Amino acid sequence: MKSPAIIIFTFLFTLIVGSTHGQSKKALNPIIHADVPDMSMIRVGDTYYMSSTTMHMAPGVPIMKSKDLVNWEIVNYAYDVLDTNDLLTLSNDKNSYGRGSWASCLRFHKGTYYVSTFSASTGKTHIYTTKDIENGPFKSIAFPPSMHDHTLVFEEDKVFLIWGAGELTMVELESDLSGVIAGTEKVLIENATAPAGSNVGLPAEGSQMFKVYGKYYLFNIAWPKGGMRTVIVHRSDNLHGPYEGKVMLQDKGVAQGGLIDTHDGDWFAYLFRDNGAVGRIPYLVPVIWEDGWPVLGVDGKVPDELELPKNKSLIPGIVASDDFETKNGDESLQLVWQWNHNPDPDHWSLSARSGHLRLTTSRVDPDFLHAKNTLTQRTIGPVSSGITKIDVSGMKDGDVAGLALLQKDYGFVAVKDEKGKKNIIQVLAPDGKEDVVAEFQLGQNTIYFKAECDFRNRKDVANFYYSLDGKNWKPIGTELKMRYTLPHFMGYRFGLFNYASKNPGGHVDFDYFKIDNKIKF
């Protein structure tokens, strides 16, 4: 039997070791535990910039900034709205879920920043340019067709674009980027998937081109059937080829991205991983150069730790709480917010009631996914919670307003007005079909709602709560089983919403939204 002294020593040693491990001074992968897929990254001096995919959200193509490659903040967006067609405005029973704008390419050339993307919702390739990436303005250029997963390449005084899946094509663009120069299209690599073998599932796509040490390196992703997401790199001494290719990383499904060098001369690959309901999350992988090839990983593996500064919280750089206060009449929202599809500016306001976000219904909608002016921001892992307080006194008969977790299989807690009587409801929508799983009467005009998400070990569940005073919380309904689905192609998001099922013109006032990286229940 151990003596009390040994037991106490063992206990204290365990505490010390656990505390030391929790206070690692190194960066940990993933560098961002949130939905930031299809990254494209550049370094300008000692500052890094990154763009990412945000699909059907507006504003779109976020621009993120970092000084250390690990800790990022959103500083701008390439566009306020991509287009104003029915798909992007949720009009005439059309939507752009899972479409909008996809993988972007971020480049800096001769003092100008270039952000390009492509869209199945517009059928076009979009290029945005600016001299000031943090403040804009951006000049917008668009032309058909929509060139899938493309990369921009600047070669002397010419601009090229490489795009495609499996068979990769290169074209030269007009000097003003207004379109493709006729007759310049050529197949650059006939079968870019070949290095990953013949068992093709997802053909090579996600092109990103880099010129390093006088050679050209083209990064792609492939996904062999029964295998995992795989990084393929092709290299050549000449932009126009010929190219030779290799598999450069196959571990944990971490893939798709490109190269970045630090101010000190170190190299990393920025990649992402499909990570269940929270979305596709960014990783950094060390790179060394051997025989003219970028060798990714540590002994071919994605490390858990990196020789980079420690990760800080994603709050407030990637997500943030908001009390909806305006400054000097400025009705701009914090950059962490994005609207689900294009916003309707005439029916939301920060000034209609000071210190509140007012959402006013403008039409009748059949369900939550059709609602305009749903305001969203990312959930974050491993766990996160969102809380809001709502004044529902301005609702009309049939209105539904509350706090949601948005994806195809969504869920929400809300107030529904039934001929002047207000009920608290919880709704789950497996396969996008709404089911009211809890309902009872509300006897006051203010209500507090909370949603808690648990993404640990891909548990991917959420629970909803309500409070009448903001202090005493009660669970409502049943657990939401969160599921990442391709129709939406995005990690779950917190959403503030109000829609009319009978009569437009009602409004609700959101007092605040609070996000935390902890859960209590």
Protein backbone atom coordinates (compact mmCIF):
# COMPACT_ATOMS: atom_id res chain seq x y z
CA MET A 1 0.00 0.00 0.00
CA LYS A 2 1.35 3.43 -0.96
CA SER A 3 2.11 5.91 1.81
CA PRO A 4 0.09 9.16 2.00
CA ALA A 5 3.25 11.10 1.08
CA ILE A 6 3.68 9.14 -2.17
CA ILE A 7 0.01 9.58 -3.04
CA ILE A 8 0.23 13.35 -2.48
CA PHE A 9 3.46 13.56 -4.51
CA THR A 10 1.90 11.60 -7.38
CA PHE A 11 -1.15 13.86 -7.32
CA LEU A 12 0.93 17.03 -7.37
CA PHE A 13 3.18 15.68 -10.14
CA THR A 14 0.13 14.87 -12.24
CA LEU A 15 -1.21 18.38 -11.74
CA ILE A 16 2.13 19.94 -12.70
CA VAL A 17 2.58 17.78 -15.81
CA GLY A 18 -1.01 18.40 -16.90
CA SER A 19 -0.63 22.13 -16.34
CA THR A 20 2.65 22.26 -18.27
CA HIS A 21 1.15 20.34 -21.19
CA GLY A 22 -1.85 22.69 -21.27
CA GLN A 23 0.48 25.69 -21.37
CA SER A 24 2.55 24.62 -24.38
CA LYS A 25 4.27 27.58 -25.96
CA LYS A 26 4.10 25.99 -29.40
CA ALA A 27 1.34 26.30 -31.95
CA LEU A 28 -1.08 23.40 -32.15
CA ASN A 29 -2.86 21.92 -35.16
CA PRO A 30 -5.48 22.69 -36.28
CA ILE A 31 -4.50 26.35 -36.29
CA ILE A 32 -8.17 27.37 -36.64
CA HIS A 33 -10.84 25.01 -35.27
CA ALA A 34 -13.59 26.48 -37.43
CA ASP A 35 -14.88 26.36 -40.99
CA VAL A 36 -12.17 28.12 -43.03
CA PRO A 37 -11.77 25.92 -46.14
CA ASP A 38 -10.04 26.36 -49.50
CA MET A 39 -7.48 28.76 -48.09
CA SER A 40 -5.19 30.82 -50.29
CA MET A 41 -2.33 32.61 -48.57
CA ILE A 42 0.32 35.25 -49.29
CA ARG A 43 2.99 37.08 -47.33
CA VAL A 44 3.64 40.78 -47.96
CA GLY A 45 6.63 41.88 -45.90
CA ASP A 46 6.03 40.54 -42.41
CA THR A 47 2.24 40.30 -42.78
CA TYR A 48 0.28 37.26 -43.95
CA TYR A 49 -3.10 37.45 -45.67
CA MET A 50 -5.51 34.58 -46.28
CA SER A 51 -8.75 34.20 -48.23
CA SER A 52 -11.28 31.40 -47.91
CA THR A 53 -14.58 30.05 -49.21
CA THR A 54 -17.89 31.25 -47.74
CA MET A 55 -20.30 29.91 -50.37
CA HIS A 56 -23.76 31.49 -50.15
CA MET A 57 -22.84 34.00 -47.44
CA ALA A 58 -22.63 37.77 -47.93
CA PRO A 59 -20.33 39.59 -47.75
CA GLY A 60 -18.06 36.97 -49.29
CA VAL A 61 -14.46 35.80 -49.69
CA PRO A 62 -13.16 36.90 -46.28
CA ILE A 63 -9.71 38.44 -46.05
CA MET A 64 -7.86 37.39 -42.88
CA LYS A 65 -4.62 38.84 -41.49
CA SER A 66 -1.88 37.41 -39.29
CA LYS A 67 1.58 38.30 -38.09
CA ASP A 68 2.58 34.76 -37.10
CA LEU A 69 0.69 32.33 -39.43
CA VAL A 70 -1.25 30.97 -36.44
CA ASN A 71 -3.46 33.72 -35.04
CA TRP A 72 -5.80 35.32 -37.57
CA GLU A 73 -8.41 38.06 -37.70
CA ILE A 74 -10.94 38.94 -40.38
CA VAL A 75 -10.09 42.39 -41.77
CA ASN A 76 -12.17 42.64 -44.95
CA TYR A 77 -14.21 40.89 -47.64
CA ALA A 78 -13.62 40.89 -51.40
CA TYR A 79 -17.28 41.70 -52.10
CA ASP A 80 -20.47 42.81 -50.38
CA VAL A 81 -22.66 40.76 -52.73
CA LEU A 82 -21.51 38.46 -55.53
CA ASP A 83 -24.54 39.14 -57.74
CA THR A 84 -28.21 40.00 -57.41
CA ASN A 85 -29.84 37.10 -59.24
CA ASP A 86 -32.69 35.02 -57.77
CA LEU A 87 -30.36 32.32 -56.47
CA LEU A 88 -28.34 34.72 -54.34
CA THR A 89 -31.31 36.80 -53.13
CA LEU A 90 -33.48 33.81 -52.11
CA SER A 91 -36.11 34.92 -54.61
CA ASN A 92 -38.77 32.97 -56.53
CA ASP A 93 -38.14 29.83 -54.47
CA LYS A 94 -34.49 29.66 -55.58
CA ASN A 95 -31.38 29.52 -53.43
CA SER A 96 -27.63 29.27 -53.62
CA TYR A 97 -26.99 26.86 -50.75
CA GLY A 98 -23.67 25.09 -51.33
CA ARG A 99 -22.88 27.29 -54.31
CA GLY A 100 -22.22 31.03 -54.23
CA SER A 101 -18.45 31.52 -54.54
CA TRP A 102 -15.98 28.66 -54.18
CA ALA A 103 -12.21 28.30 -53.77
CA SER A 104 -10.50 31.66 -54.13
CA CYS A 105 -6.99 32.56 -55.22
CA LEU A 106 -5.16 35.38 -53.42
CA ARG A 107 -2.12 37.00 -55.05
CA PHE A 108 0.02 40.16 -54.74
CA HIS A 109 1.76 41.48 -57.86
CA LYS A 110 3.48 44.81 -58.48
CA GLY A 111 1.65 46.61 -55.67
CA THR A 112 -1.82 45.24 -56.41
CA TYR A 113 -3.75 42.55 -54.55
CA TYR A 114 -5.80 40.10 -56.61
CA VAL A 115 -8.62 37.94 -55.23
CA SER A 116 -10.26 35.62 -57.73
CA THR A 117 -13.05 33.08 -57.34
CA PHE A 118 -15.68 31.32 -59.45
CA SER A 119 -19.37 30.63 -59.08
CA ALA A 120 -21.93 28.12 -60.24
CA SER A 121 -24.56 30.67 -59.13
CA THR A 122 -23.44 33.21 -61.76
CA GLY A 123 -21.67 30.99 -64.31
CA LYS A 124 -18.71 33.34 -64.16
CA THR A 125 -15.15 33.75 -62.98
CA HIS A 126 -14.80 36.75 -60.65
CA ILE A 127 -11.64 38.79 -60.04
CA TYR A 128 -11.34 41.56 -57.44
CA THR A 129 -8.39 43.96 -57.30
CA THR A 130 -7.26 46.59 -54.81
CA LYS A 131 -4.20 48.51 -53.67
CA ASP A 132 -5.34 48.30 -50.04
CA ILE A 133 -6.46 44.81 -49.09
CA GLU A 134 -7.48 45.75 -45.55
CA ASN A 135 -9.62 48.76 -46.45
CA GLY A 136 -10.37 48.52 -50.17
CA PRO A 137 -12.13 49.49 -52.29
CA PHE A 138 -12.09 46.44 -54.55
CA LYS A 139 -12.62 46.72 -58.30
CA SER A 140 -14.87 43.91 -59.56
CA ILE A 141 -14.37 42.08 -62.87
CA ALA A 142 -16.41 39.08 -64.03
CA PHE A 143 -16.53 37.01 -67.18
CA PRO A 144 -17.82 33.57 -68.28
CA PRO A 145 -17.24 30.70 -67.87
CA SER A 146 -16.96 29.65 -64.25
CA MET A 147 -13.41 28.22 -64.12
CA HIS A 148 -13.30 25.54 -61.45
CA ASP A 149 -10.68 25.72 -58.67
CA HIS A 150 -8.42 28.04 -60.62
CA THR A 151 -5.11 29.69 -59.75
CA LEU A 152 -3.80 32.98 -61.11
CA VAL A 153 -0.22 33.07 -62.42
CA PHE A 154 1.71 36.26 -63.22
CA GLU A 155 4.53 35.70 -65.70
CA GLU A 156 6.41 38.83 -66.78
CA ASP A 157 3.73 41.08 -68.31
CA LYS A 158 1.19 38.28 -68.85
CA VAL A 159 -1.53 36.80 -66.64
CA PHE A 160 -2.50 33.13 -66.88
CA LEU A 161 -5.19 31.07 -65.22
CA ILE A 162 -4.96 27.31 -64.57
CA TRP A 163 -8.14 25.42 -63.77
CA GLY A 164 -10.01 22.13 -64.00
CA ALA A 165 -10.31 18.69 -62.41
CA GLY A 166 -8.23 15.75 -63.59
CA GLU A 167 -7.36 17.40 -66.87
CA LEU A 168 -5.91 20.81 -66.03
CA THR A 169 -6.18 23.63 -68.54
CA MET A 170 -4.28 26.91 -68.84
CA VAL A 171 -5.49 30.10 -70.53
CA GLU A 172 -4.07 33.58 -70.89
CA LEU A 173 -6.20 36.51 -69.71
CA GLU A 174 -6.61 39.91 -71.28
CA SER A 175 -4.26 42.48 -69.75
CA ASP A 176 -7.23 44.17 -68.04
CA LEU A 177 -8.47 40.76 -66.76
CA SER A 178 -11.76 41.21 -68.62
CA GLY A 179 -11.72 37.73 -70.12
CA VAL A 180 -9.80 34.95 -71.84
CA ILE A 181 -7.68 35.73 -74.89
CA ALA A 182 -9.13 33.65 -77.70
CA GLY A 183 -6.93 30.81 -78.91
CA THR A 184 -4.74 30.62 -75.79
CA GLU A 185 -6.45 27.64 -74.15
CA LYS A 186 -4.24 24.55 -73.80
CA VAL A 187 -4.16 21.36 -71.75
CA LEU A 188 -1.37 21.85 -69.24
CA ILE A 189 -1.52 18.41 -67.53
CA GLU A 190 -3.59 15.71 -69.17
CA ASN A 191 -4.06 13.55 -66.07
CA ALA A 192 -3.04 15.39 -62.91
CA THR A 193 -4.53 12.60 -60.77
CA ALA A 194 -2.09 9.96 -62.05
CA PRO A 195 0.48 10.21 -59.21
CA ALA A 196 -2.24 9.09 -56.74
CA GLY A 197 -2.93 5.91 -58.74
CA SER A 198 -5.68 4.63 -61.01
CA ASN A 199 -8.31 4.15 -58.30
CA VAL A 200 -9.77 7.62 -58.85
CA GLY A 201 -12.51 8.96 -56.59
CA LEU A 202 -12.10 12.73 -56.67
CA PRO A 203 -9.88 13.77 -59.60
CA ALA A 204 -7.09 16.27 -59.02
CA GLU A 205 -8.46 19.77 -58.36
CA GLY A 206 -7.85 22.76 -56.08
CA SER A 207 -4.99 24.10 -58.20
CA GLN A 208 -2.54 26.54 -56.62
CA MET A 209 0.65 27.49 -58.49
CA PHE A 210 3.89 28.80 -56.96
CA LYS A 211 7.23 29.79 -58.42
CA VAL A 212 10.06 28.94 -56.03
CA TYR A 213 13.80 28.88 -56.71
CA GLY A 214 13.13 29.29 -60.44
CA LYS A 215 10.82 26.28 -60.70
CA TYR A 216 7.03 26.05 -60.97
CA TYR A 217 5.10 24.00 -58.40
CA LEU A 218 1.42 23.19 -58.90
CA PHE A 219 -0.46 21.90 -55.82
CA ASN A 220 -3.60 19.78 -56.20
CA ILE A 221 -5.75 17.46 -54.15
CA ALA A 222 -7.02 14.03 -55.18
CA TRP A 223 -9.07 11.47 -53.27
CA PRO A 224 -8.55 7.83 -54.27
CA LYS A 225 -11.56 5.54 -53.74
CA GLY A 226 -11.38 3.96 -50.31
CA GLY A 227 -8.45 6.21 -49.42
CA MET A 228 -8.03 9.71 -48.10
CA ARG A 229 -7.55 13.26 -49.34
CA THR A 230 -4.08 13.39 -50.88
CA VAL A 231 -1.68 16.21 -51.76
CA ILE A 232 -0.20 16.00 -55.26
CA VAL A 233 2.53 18.36 -56.46
CA HIS A 234 3.66 18.78 -60.08
CA ARG A 235 6.83 20.67 -60.94
CA SER A 236 8.44 22.06 -64.07
CA ASP A 237 11.27 24.35 -65.16
CA ASN A 238 8.83 26.11 -67.49
CA LEU A 239 5.32 27.41 -66.80
CA HIS A 240 4.08 25.73 -69.97
CA GLY A 241 5.54 22.34 -68.98
CA PRO A 242 6.25 19.49 -69.23
CA TYR A 243 5.39 18.63 -65.61
CA GLU A 244 6.31 15.69 -63.41
CA GLY A 245 4.17 14.84 -60.39
CA LYS A 246 4.42 13.19 -56.99
CA VAL A 247 2.23 12.42 -54.00
CA MET A 248 3.67 14.71 -51.30
CA LEU A 249 1.36 14.02 -48.34
CA GLN A 250 -1.25 11.42 -47.39
CA ASP A 251 -2.09 11.67 -43.68
CA LYS A 252 -5.29 12.31 -41.69
CA GLY A 253 -7.01 13.53 -44.86
CA VAL A 254 -5.23 16.87 -44.47
CA ALA A 255 -4.95 18.27 -48.00
CA GLN A 256 -5.69 21.09 -50.48
CA GLY A 257 -3.77 24.32 -50.23
CA GLY A 258 -0.33 25.57 -51.04
CA LEU A 259 3.01 26.99 -49.93
CA ILE A 260 3.93 29.92 -47.71
CA ASP A 261 7.35 31.08 -46.52
CA THR A 262 8.06 33.03 -43.36
CA HIS A 263 10.06 36.23 -43.04
CA ASP A 264 12.81 34.07 -41.47
CA GLY A 265 13.00 31.70 -44.43
CA ASP A 266 11.02 28.75 -43.07
CA TRP A 267 8.44 27.04 -45.27
CA PHE A 268 5.00 25.63 -44.51
CA ALA A 269 2.10 24.15 -46.43
CA TYR A 270 -1.34 25.46 -45.51
CA LEU A 271 -3.98 22.74 -45.88
CA PHE A 272 -7.35 21.79 -44.41
CA ARG A 273 -9.17 18.77 -43.06
CA ASP A 274 -12.79 17.68 -43.27
CA ASN A 275 -13.74 17.62 -39.59
CA GLY A 276 -17.41 16.80 -39.35
CA ALA A 277 -20.13 19.29 -38.46
CA VAL A 278 -17.81 22.16 -37.45
CA GLY A 279 -16.62 22.21 -41.05
CA ARG A 280 -13.30 22.14 -42.88
CA ILE A 281 -10.51 23.33 -40.61
CA PRO A 282 -7.00 24.70 -41.42
CA TYR A 283 -3.72 22.98 -40.63
CA LEU A 284 -0.11 24.02 -41.13
CA VAL A 285 2.51 21.45 -42.14
CA PRO A 286 6.28 22.08 -42.09
CA VAL A 287 8.04 21.91 -45.47
CA ILE A 288 11.68 21.18 -46.26
CA TRP A 289 13.24 21.17 -49.72
CA GLU A 290 14.92 17.99 -50.98
CA ASP A 291 16.15 17.47 -54.55
CA GLY A 292 13.99 20.36 -55.72
CA TRP A 293 10.78 19.03 -54.15
CA PRO A 294 8.78 20.46 -51.23
CA VAL A 295 8.65 17.62 -48.70
CA LEU A 296 5.57 18.01 -46.51
CA GLY A 297 5.20 16.93 -42.89
CA VAL A 298 7.42 15.33 -40.29
CA ASP A 299 8.35 11.85 -41.51
CA GLY A 300 5.36 12.08 -43.81
CA LYS A 301 2.94 12.93 -41.00
CA VAL A 302 0.98 16.02 -40.01
CA PRO A 303 2.40 17.16 -36.66
CA ASP A 304 0.24 18.13 -33.70
CA GLU A 305 2.73 20.84 -32.66
CA LEU A 306 4.52 23.50 -34.71
CA GLU A 307 7.56 25.67 -34.07
CA LEU A 308 5.38 28.77 -34.25
CA PRO A 309 3.78 31.08 -31.65
CA LYS A 310 1.05 29.66 -29.44
CA ASN A 311 -2.57 29.70 -30.60
CA LYS A 312 -4.73 32.37 -29.03
CA SER A 313 -8.51 32.25 -28.83
CA LEU A 314 -10.54 32.50 -32.05
CA ILE A 315 -12.54 35.16 -30.18
CA PRO A 316 -12.69 37.97 -31.35
CA GLY A 317 -10.64 37.54 -34.56
CA ILE A 318 -12.74 34.83 -36.22
CA VAL A 319 -15.93 34.97 -34.10
CA ALA A 320 -17.04 37.60 -31.60
CA SER A 321 -19.76 38.71 -29.22
CA ASP A 322 -21.76 41.78 -30.22
CA ASP A 323 -23.94 44.23 -28.27
CA PHE A 324 -25.11 45.86 -31.53
CA GLU A 325 -24.05 49.35 -30.46
CA THR A 326 -23.43 51.85 -33.26
CA LYS A 327 -20.70 54.48 -33.34
CA ASN A 328 -21.28 57.88 -34.93
CA GLY A 329 -24.31 56.60 -36.80
CA ASP A 330 -22.35 53.81 -38.52
CA GLU A 331 -24.66 50.85 -39.06
CA SER A 332 -21.88 48.49 -40.14
CA LEU A 333 -21.85 45.09 -38.50
CA GLN A 334 -18.72 43.49 -37.09
CA LEU A 335 -16.74 41.62 -39.74
CA VAL A 336 -17.38 38.25 -38.08
CA TRP A 337 -21.00 38.44 -39.25
CA GLN A 338 -22.27 37.26 -42.63
CA TRP A 339 -25.80 37.13 -43.96
CA ASN A 340 -27.31 33.89 -45.21
CA HIS A 341 -27.55 34.91 -48.90
CA ASN A 342 -27.75 38.60 -49.86
CA PRO A 343 -29.19 40.86 -47.17
CA ASP A 344 -32.30 42.99 -47.63
CA PRO A 345 -30.98 46.34 -46.33
CA ASP A 346 -34.43 47.90 -45.96
CA HIS A 347 -35.47 45.32 -43.38
CA TRP A 348 -32.63 45.23 -40.86
CA SER A 349 -31.31 48.05 -38.74
CA LEU A 350 -28.98 48.91 -35.87
CA SER A 351 -30.50 52.38 -35.45
CA ALA A 352 -34.24 51.66 -35.31
CA ARG A 353 -33.67 50.89 -31.64
CA SER A 354 -30.37 51.90 -30.09
CA GLY A 355 -28.20 48.99 -28.99
CA HIS A 356 -30.28 46.40 -30.81
CA LEU A 357 -30.39 44.54 -34.11
CA ARG A 358 -33.89 44.87 -35.52
CA LEU A 359 -35.04 42.29 -38.06
CA THR A 360 -38.32 43.12 -39.83
CA THR A 361 -40.11 40.63 -42.05
CA SER A 362 -40.69 41.66 -45.67
CA ARG A 363 -42.59 38.68 -47.05
CA VAL A 364 -44.14 35.33 -46.13
CA ASP A 365 -41.81 32.32 -46.11
CA PRO A 366 -42.54 28.59 -45.67
CA ASP A 367 -39.62 27.83 -43.34
CA PHE A 368 -36.31 28.95 -41.85
CA LEU A 369 -34.15 28.13 -44.89
CA HIS A 370 -36.19 30.53 -47.04
CA ALA A 371 -35.91 33.41 -44.58
CA LYS A 372 -34.14 36.58 -45.63
CA ASN A 373 -31.80 38.50 -43.32
CA THR A 374 -30.64 35.57 -41.21
CA LEU A 375 -27.45 36.87 -39.62
CA THR A 376 -24.76 34.25 -39.05
CA GLN A 377 -21.28 33.58 -37.75
CA ARG A 378 -19.23 30.43 -37.40
CA THR A 379 -19.45 27.88 -34.66
CA ILE A 380 -16.01 26.94 -33.31
CA GLY A 381 -14.50 23.78 -31.85
CA PRO A 382 -13.91 21.81 -29.79
CA VAL A 383 -16.99 23.32 -28.09
CA SER A 384 -18.85 26.61 -28.36
CA SER A 385 -22.02 28.31 -27.24
CA GLY A 386 -24.11 31.23 -28.42
CA ILE A 387 -26.56 33.27 -26.33
CA THR A 388 -28.99 35.99 -27.36
CA LYS A 389 -31.71 38.12 -25.77
CA ILE A 390 -34.76 39.05 -27.86
CA ASP A 391 -37.63 41.50 -27.46
CA VAL A 392 -40.58 39.89 -29.28
CA SER A 393 -43.23 42.56 -28.59
CA GLY A 394 -43.27 43.67 -32.25
CA MET A 395 -44.11 40.28 -33.73
CA LYS A 396 -47.17 39.61 -35.89
CA ASP A 397 -49.38 36.55 -36.09
CA GLY A 398 -47.37 33.68 -37.63
CA ASP A 399 -43.93 35.21 -37.06
CA VAL A 400 -41.07 32.93 -35.96
CA ALA A 401 -37.88 34.43 -34.48
CA GLY A 402 -34.96 33.03 -32.53
CA LEU A 403 -31.54 31.42 -32.47
CA ALA A 404 -30.59 28.73 -34.99
CA LEU A 405 -27.79 26.38 -35.90
CA LEU A 406 -27.71 26.56 -39.69
CA GLN A 407 -26.98 23.68 -42.04
CA LYS A 408 -29.27 21.45 -44.08
CA ASP A 409 -30.13 19.47 -40.93
CA TYR A 410 -30.74 22.60 -38.90
CA GLY A 411 -32.30 23.23 -35.52
CA PHE A 412 -33.50 26.27 -33.64
CA VAL A 413 -35.18 27.59 -30.53
CA ALA A 414 -37.62 30.41 -31.17
CA VAL A 415 -40.76 32.31 -30.31
CA LYS A 416 -43.77 31.82 -32.53
CA ASP A 417 -46.68 34.27 -32.44
CA GLU A 418 -50.10 32.61 -32.61
CA LYS A 419 -52.77 35.34 -32.90
CA GLY A 420 -51.02 37.48 -30.31
CA LYS A 421 -50.14 34.60 -28.00
CA LYS A 422 -46.47 33.76 -27.98
CA ASN A 423 -45.08 30.24 -27.64
CA ILE A 424 -41.52 29.06 -27.17
CA ILE A 425 -40.75 26.29 -29.65
CA GLN A 426 -37.85 24.05 -30.51
CA VAL A 427 -37.61 22.85 -34.07
CA LEU A 428 -35.36 20.19 -35.57
CA ALA A 429 -35.12 19.63 -39.30
CA PRO A 430 -33.65 16.24 -40.18
CA ASP A 431 -33.27 16.18 -43.95
CA GLY A 432 -34.42 19.80 -44.03
CA LYS A 433 -37.99 19.01 -42.91
CA GLU A 434 -39.12 20.94 -39.85
CA ASP A 435 -40.47 19.11 -36.81
CA VAL A 436 -41.68 21.01 -33.73
CA VAL A 437 -40.38 18.86 -30.88
CA ALA A 438 -41.27 21.17 -27.97
CA GLU A 439 -43.78 23.99 -27.49
CA PHE A 440 -45.21 25.93 -24.54
CA GLN A 441 -46.55 29.40 -23.84
CA LEU A 442 -44.38 32.44 -23.12
CA GLY A 443 -45.88 34.97 -20.71
CA GLN A 444 -43.56 37.92 -21.35
CA ASN A 445 -42.05 39.94 -24.20
CA THR A 446 -38.36 39.23 -23.59
CA ILE A 447 -36.64 35.87 -23.84
CA TYR A 448 -33.11 34.51 -23.70
CA PHE A 449 -31.95 31.65 -25.89
CA LYS A 450 -28.79 29.56 -25.87
CA ALA A 451 -27.30 26.93 -28.19
CA GLU A 452 -24.36 24.74 -27.13
CA CYS A 453 -22.28 22.75 -29.61
CA ASP A 454 -20.02 19.81 -28.83
CA PHE A 455 -17.63 18.89 -31.65
CA ARG A 456 -15.18 16.92 -29.48
CA ASN A 457 -14.07 13.71 -31.20
CA ARG A 458 -16.66 14.49 -33.87
CA LYS A 459 -19.48 14.00 -31.39
CA ASP A 460 -21.32 16.73 -33.35
CA VAL A 461 -24.32 17.32 -31.12
CA ALA A 462 -26.02 20.50 -29.95
CA ASN A 463 -28.55 21.34 -27.27
CA PHE A 464 -30.85 24.34 -26.89
CA TYR A 465 -31.87 26.26 -23.77
CA TYR A 466 -34.10 29.14 -22.76
CA SER A 467 -34.22 31.53 -19.82
CA LEU A 468 -36.76 34.06 -18.62
CA ASP A 469 -34.20 36.15 -16.73
CA GLY A 470 -30.82 35.42 -18.37
CA LYS A 471 -29.62 33.58 -15.26
CA ASN A 472 -31.64 30.43 -14.80
CA TRP A 473 -31.44 28.22 -17.87
CA LYS A 474 -33.68 25.32 -18.80
CA PRO A 475 -33.14 22.79 -21.60
CA ILE A 476 -35.76 22.59 -24.31
CA GLY A 477 -36.63 19.84 -26.74
CA THR A 478 -34.19 17.20 -27.87
CA GLU A 479 -30.59 17.05 -28.98
CA LEU A 480 -29.68 18.20 -32.49
CA LYS A 481 -27.47 15.68 -34.24
CA MET A 482 -25.36 17.93 -36.44
CA ARG A 483 -24.30 16.54 -39.79
CA TYR A 484 -22.07 18.12 -42.44
CA THR A 485 -23.93 17.83 -45.74
CA LEU A 486 -22.84 18.60 -49.28
CA PRO A 487 -26.05 20.41 -50.24
CA HIS A 488 -24.90 23.20 -47.91
CA PHE A 489 -21.16 22.42 -48.02
CA MET A 490 -20.45 24.47 -44.90
CA GLY A 491 -19.87 23.98 -41.19
CA TYR A 492 -22.70 24.81 -38.79
CA ARG A 493 -23.30 28.48 -38.04
CA PHE A 494 -25.11 30.35 -35.31
CA GLY A 495 -27.99 32.31 -36.84
CA LEU A 496 -30.27 35.12 -35.64
CA PHE A 497 -33.52 35.15 -37.61
CA ASN A 498 -37.09 36.37 -37.96
CA TYR A 499 -39.52 35.26 -40.65
CA ALA A 500 -43.24 35.61 -41.31
CA SER A 501 -45.43 32.61 -42.06
CA LYS A 502 -48.64 34.65 -42.44
CA ASN A 503 -48.26 38.44 -42.49
CA PRO A 504 -45.10 40.50 -43.23
CA GLY A 505 -44.17 43.63 -41.30
CA GLY A 506 -43.52 42.30 -37.81
CA HIS A 507 -40.18 42.86 -36.11
CA VAL A 508 -37.99 41.62 -33.27
CA ASP A 509 -35.07 43.29 -31.51
CA PHE A 510 -31.93 41.32 -30.63
CA ASP A 511 -30.22 42.95 -27.64
CA TYR A 512 -26.93 41.09 -28.00
CA PHE A 513 -25.19 37.93 -29.11
CA LYS A 514 -22.57 36.34 -26.87
CA ILE A 515 -20.26 33.58 -28.04
CA ASP A 516 -18.03 31.46 -25.83
CA ASN A 517 -15.56 28.63 -26.35
CA LYS A 518 -16.96 26.76 -23.36
CA ILE A 519 -20.20 24.96 -22.61
CA LYS A 520 -21.79 24.52 -19.19
CA PHE A 521 -24.35 21.77 -19.56
